[in-house]
Amino acid sequence: MEFFTLNLKATLSAIIMGILVLYLGLGFGLYFFFTMFLFLALSGIVSYIGKVYKQKKMLFEKVRTTKNVLANGTWPLVLALCFYVSHTIFF
């Protein structure tokens, strides 16, 4: 089962990370969520561009896994967490 090139585990991981980003982003959760989605979209574009090269090297992966979700979603999640901590401590 695939959703937007993600397998089931990766989809569930992305949903959990998305909920955390929306919650930790306080009023700016959609900004952080968009950032996470942008990382996913850019990785998809880069994968599409490098598809021919990866097929020649036998490295092409058709489906993205939890590893890809963590690689693309960790920075937006960390930024949302820092934002949340800074606003709860200082405001």
C-alpha atoms as a PDB file:
ATOM      1  CA  MET A   1       0.000   0.000   0.000  1.00  0.00           C
ATOM      2  CA  GLU A   2       1.440   3.371  -1.042  1.00  0.00           C
ATOM      3  CA  PHE A   3       0.449   6.981  -0.493  1.00  0.00           C
ATOM      4  CA  PHE A   4       2.390   9.708  -2.330  1.00  0.00           C
ATOM      5  CA  THR A   5       5.280   7.283  -2.893  1.00  0.00           C
ATOM      6  CA  LEU A   6       5.372   6.397   0.837  1.00  0.00           C
ATOM      7  CA  ASN A   7       4.872   2.897   2.181  1.00  0.00           C
ATOM      8  CA  LEU A   8       2.450   2.325   5.077  1.00  0.00           C
ATOM      9  CA  LYS A   9       5.005   2.728   7.896  1.00  0.00           C
ATOM     10  CA  ALA A  10       6.388   5.876   6.314  1.00  0.00           C
ATOM     11  CA  THR A  11       2.884   7.292   5.904  1.00  0.00           C
ATOM     12  CA  LEU A  12       2.107   6.696   9.580  1.00  0.00           C
ATOM     13  CA  SER A  13       5.438   8.235  10.584  1.00  0.00           C
ATOM     14  CA  ALA A  14       4.735  11.276   8.429  1.00  0.00           C
ATOM     15  CA  ILE A  15       1.276  11.693   9.966  1.00  0.00           C
ATOM     16  CA  ILE A  16       2.705  11.535  13.498  1.00  0.00           C
ATOM     17  CA  MET A  17       5.452  14.013  12.635  1.00  0.00           C
ATOM     18  CA  GLY A  18       2.913  16.305  10.967  1.00  0.00           C
ATOM     19  CA  ILE A  19       0.672  16.306  14.036  1.00  0.00           C
ATOM     20  CA  LEU A  20       3.661  17.081  16.263  1.00  0.00           C
ATOM     21  CA  VAL A  21       4.735  19.917  13.986  1.00  0.00           C
ATOM     22  CA  LEU A  22       1.230  21.402  13.966  1.00  0.00           C
ATOM     23  CA  TYR A  23       1.007  21.188  17.768  1.00  0.00           C
ATOM     24  CA  LEU A  24       4.515  22.460  18.534  1.00  0.00           C
ATOM     25  CA  GLY A  25       4.227  25.283  16.026  1.00  0.00           C
ATOM     26  CA  LEU A  26       1.616  26.973  18.228  1.00  0.00           C
ATOM     27  CA  GLY A  27      -0.074  29.462  15.894  1.00  0.00           C
ATOM     28  CA  PHE A  28       2.514  28.928  13.166  1.00  0.00           C
ATOM     29  CA  GLY A  29       2.025  25.165  12.815  1.00  0.00           C
ATOM     30  CA  LEU A  30       0.934  25.417   9.192  1.00  0.00           C
ATOM     31  CA  TYR A  31       4.184  27.221   8.343  1.00  0.00           C
ATOM     32  CA  PHE A  32       6.237  24.391   9.818  1.00  0.00           C
ATOM     33  CA  PHE A  33       3.958  21.789   8.219  1.00  0.00           C
ATOM     34  CA  PHE A  34       4.468  23.476   4.841  1.00  0.00           C
ATOM     35  CA  THR A  35       8.228  23.394   5.430  1.00  0.00           C
ATOM     36  CA  MET A  36       8.083  19.652   6.057  1.00  0.00           C
ATOM     37  CA  PHE A  37       5.973  19.141   2.920  1.00  0.00           C
ATOM     38  CA  LEU A  38       8.442  21.253   0.945  1.00  0.00           C
ATOM     39  CA  PHE A  39      11.303  18.972   2.039  1.00  0.00           C
ATOM     40  CA  LEU A  40       9.275  15.975   0.783  1.00  0.00           C
ATOM     41  CA  ALA A  41       8.476  17.655  -2.541  1.00  0.00           C
ATOM     42  CA  LEU A  42      12.085  18.708  -3.133  1.00  0.00           C
ATOM     43  CA  SER A  43      13.351  15.219  -2.397  1.00  0.00           C
ATOM     44  CA  GLY A  44      10.822  13.873  -4.891  1.00  0.00           C
ATOM     45  CA  ILE A  45      12.058  16.278  -7.565  1.00  0.00           C
ATOM     46  CA  VAL A  46      15.692  15.387  -6.900  1.00  0.00           C
ATOM     47  CA  SER A  47      14.809  11.681  -7.035  1.00  0.00           C
ATOM     48  CA  TYR A  48      13.031  12.187 -10.353  1.00  0.00           C
ATOM     49  CA  ILE A  49      16.009  14.034 -11.810  1.00  0.00           C
ATOM     50  CA  GLY A  50      18.446  11.366 -10.632  1.00  0.00           C
ATOM     51  CA  LYS A  51      16.245   8.409 -11.591  1.00  0.00           C
ATOM     52  CA  VAL A  52      18.180   7.480 -14.731  1.00  0.00           C
ATOM     53  CA  TYR A  53      21.509   7.661 -12.909  1.00  0.00           C
ATOM     54  CA  LYS A  54      20.177   5.609 -10.004  1.00  0.00           C
ATOM     55  CA  GLN A  55      18.729   2.973 -12.343  1.00  0.00           C
ATOM     56  CA  LYS A  56      22.113   2.536 -13.994  1.00  0.00           C
ATOM     57  CA  LYS A  57      23.743   2.058 -10.588  1.00  0.00           C
ATOM     58  CA  MET A  58      20.902  -0.238  -9.398  1.00  0.00           C
ATOM     59  CA  LEU A  59      20.159   2.145  -6.514  1.00  0.00           C
ATOM     60  CA  PHE A  60      16.678   3.364  -7.497  1.00  0.00           C
ATOM     61  CA  GLU A  61      14.017   2.913  -4.823  1.00  0.00           C
ATOM     62  CA  LYS A  62      10.460   3.118  -6.081  1.00  0.00           C
ATOM     63  CA  VAL A  63       8.894   3.567  -2.647  1.00  0.00           C
ATOM     64  CA  ARG A  64      10.043   5.878   0.125  1.00  0.00           C
ATOM     65  CA  THR A  65      10.435   4.405   3.598  1.00  0.00           C
ATOM     66  CA  THR A  66      10.509   5.669   7.168  1.00  0.00           C
ATOM     67  CA  LYS A  67      14.174   6.523   6.650  1.00  0.00           C
ATOM     68  CA  ASN A  68      13.197   9.055   3.969  1.00  0.00           C
ATOM     69  CA  VAL A  69      10.442  10.505   6.161  1.00  0.00           C
ATOM     70  CA  LEU A  70      12.844  10.983   9.060  1.00  0.00           C
ATOM     71  CA  ALA A  71      15.483  12.492   6.787  1.00  0.00           C
ATOM     72  CA  ASN A  72      13.039  15.022   5.348  1.00  0.00           C
ATOM     73  CA  GLY A  73      10.938  15.720   8.424  1.00  0.00           C
ATOM     74  CA  THR A  74      13.448  15.908  11.248  1.00  0.00           C
ATOM     75  CA  TRP A  75      14.632  19.476  10.605  1.00  0.00           C
ATOM     76  CA  PRO A  76      11.134  20.977  10.429  1.00  0.00           C
ATOM     77  CA  LEU A  77      10.254  19.041  13.594  1.00  0.00           C
ATOM     78  CA  VAL A  78      13.391  20.301  15.377  1.00  0.00           C
ATOM     79  CA  LEU A  79      12.631  23.870  14.273  1.00  0.00           C
ATOM     80  CA  ALA A  80       9.054  23.576  15.538  1.00  0.00           C
ATOM     81  CA  LEU A  81      10.312  22.161  18.845  1.00  0.00           C
ATOM     82  CA  CYS A  82      12.817  25.021  19.266  1.00  0.00           C
ATOM     83  CA  PHE A  83      10.079  27.514  18.417  1.00  0.00           C
ATOM     84  CA  TYR A  84       7.746  25.930  20.970  1.00  0.00           C
ATOM     85  CA  VAL A  85      10.375  25.888  23.720  1.00  0.00           C
ATOM     86  CA  SER A  86      11.454  29.477  23.048  1.00  0.00           C
ATOM     87  CA  HIS A  87       7.877  30.767  23.188  1.00  0.00           C
ATOM     88  CA  THR A  88       6.880  28.822  26.285  1.00  0.00           C
ATOM     89  CA  ILE A  89       9.979  29.858  28.251  1.00  0.00           C
ATOM     90  CA  PHE A  90      10.305  33.509  27.231  1.00  0.00           C
ATOM     91  CA  PHE A  91       6.657  34.532  26.727  1.00  0.00           C
END
